[in-house]
Amino acid sequence: MHHPHVESPDIARQVDKLLAERGDGLLSVKQAIALLRERTQTERSDADLTGLIVKKAAHLGITVLSEDR
């Protein structure tokens, strides 16, 4: 049974795919979140998505750019 508030389980896979597509080794957090929302229609918070992106990027050695200045 599908509940509308339950996230698609492929968010983490989409983050992996997104990071793999970034061949230059740099990734903008805002751009990554926008792409994830477009691809998955996730309702997770920006902070939650940022944490997931940063964690996975660090594991892969990808530099994440933050525009929070």
Protein backbone atom coordinates (compact mmCIF):
# COMPACT_ATOMS: atom_id res chain seq x y z
CA MET A 1 0.00 0.00 0.00
CA HIS A 2 1.43 3.37 -1.02
CA HIS A 3 1.09 6.34 1.32
CA PRO A 4 1.46 9.80 -0.24
CA HIS A 5 3.73 11.03 2.56
CA VAL A 6 6.21 8.14 2.19
CA GLU A 7 9.35 9.02 0.24
CA SER A 8 10.41 7.10 -2.78
CA PRO A 9 13.21 4.78 -1.69
CA ASP A 10 15.40 5.83 -4.59
CA ILE A 11 16.44 9.26 -3.24
CA ALA A 12 19.86 7.88 -2.24
CA ARG A 13 20.24 6.19 -5.64
CA GLN A 14 19.35 9.47 -7.36
CA VAL A 15 22.01 11.27 -5.28
CA ASP A 16 24.56 8.63 -6.33
CA LYS A 17 23.54 9.07 -9.98
CA LEU A 18 23.69 12.86 -9.72
CA LEU A 19 27.17 12.73 -8.19
CA ALA A 20 28.36 10.28 -10.85
CA GLU A 21 27.22 12.71 -13.56
CA ARG A 22 29.46 15.45 -12.15
CA GLY A 23 32.70 14.61 -13.92
CA ASP A 24 34.41 17.88 -12.93
CA GLY A 25 34.41 16.98 -9.24
CA LEU A 26 32.44 20.08 -8.23
CA LEU A 27 28.79 20.20 -7.23
CA SER A 28 26.54 23.08 -6.21
CA VAL A 29 24.23 22.11 -3.34
CA LYS A 30 21.43 24.33 -4.65
CA GLN A 31 21.71 22.82 -8.12
CA ALA A 32 21.82 19.29 -6.73
CA ILE A 33 18.70 19.87 -4.59
CA ALA A 34 16.84 21.38 -7.54
CA LEU A 35 17.72 18.39 -9.71
CA LEU A 36 16.72 15.91 -6.99
CA ARG A 37 13.37 17.63 -6.52
CA GLU A 38 12.80 17.60 -10.29
CA ARG A 39 13.71 13.92 -10.61
CA THR A 40 12.01 12.56 -7.49
CA GLN A 41 9.34 15.10 -6.44
CA THR A 42 10.71 14.67 -2.91
CA GLU A 43 9.27 16.72 -0.08
CA ARG A 44 12.31 16.26 2.15
CA SER A 45 13.74 19.49 3.58
CA ASP A 46 16.67 21.27 1.95
CA ALA A 47 18.70 20.57 5.12
CA ASP A 48 17.95 16.85 4.93
CA LEU A 49 18.84 16.68 1.25
CA THR A 50 21.99 18.76 1.82
CA GLY A 51 23.12 16.34 4.52
CA LEU A 52 22.59 13.35 2.25
CA ILE A 53 24.38 15.03 -0.68
CA VAL A 54 27.33 16.18 1.43
CA LYS A 55 27.74 12.78 3.09
CA LYS A 56 27.71 10.88 -0.21
CA ALA A 57 29.93 13.45 -1.95
CA ALA A 58 32.51 13.26 0.84
CA HIS A 59 32.58 9.48 0.53
CA LEU A 60 33.25 9.84 -3.21
CA GLY A 61 35.78 12.68 -2.83
CA ILE A 62 33.59 15.23 -4.60
CA THR A 63 33.80 18.88 -3.57
CA VAL A 64 30.43 20.39 -2.69
CA LEU A 65 29.93 24.11 -3.19
CA SER A 66 27.66 25.91 -0.75
CA GLU A 67 26.08 29.27 -1.62
CA ASP A 68 25.19 30.11 1.99
CA ARG A 69 27.39 33.20 2.14
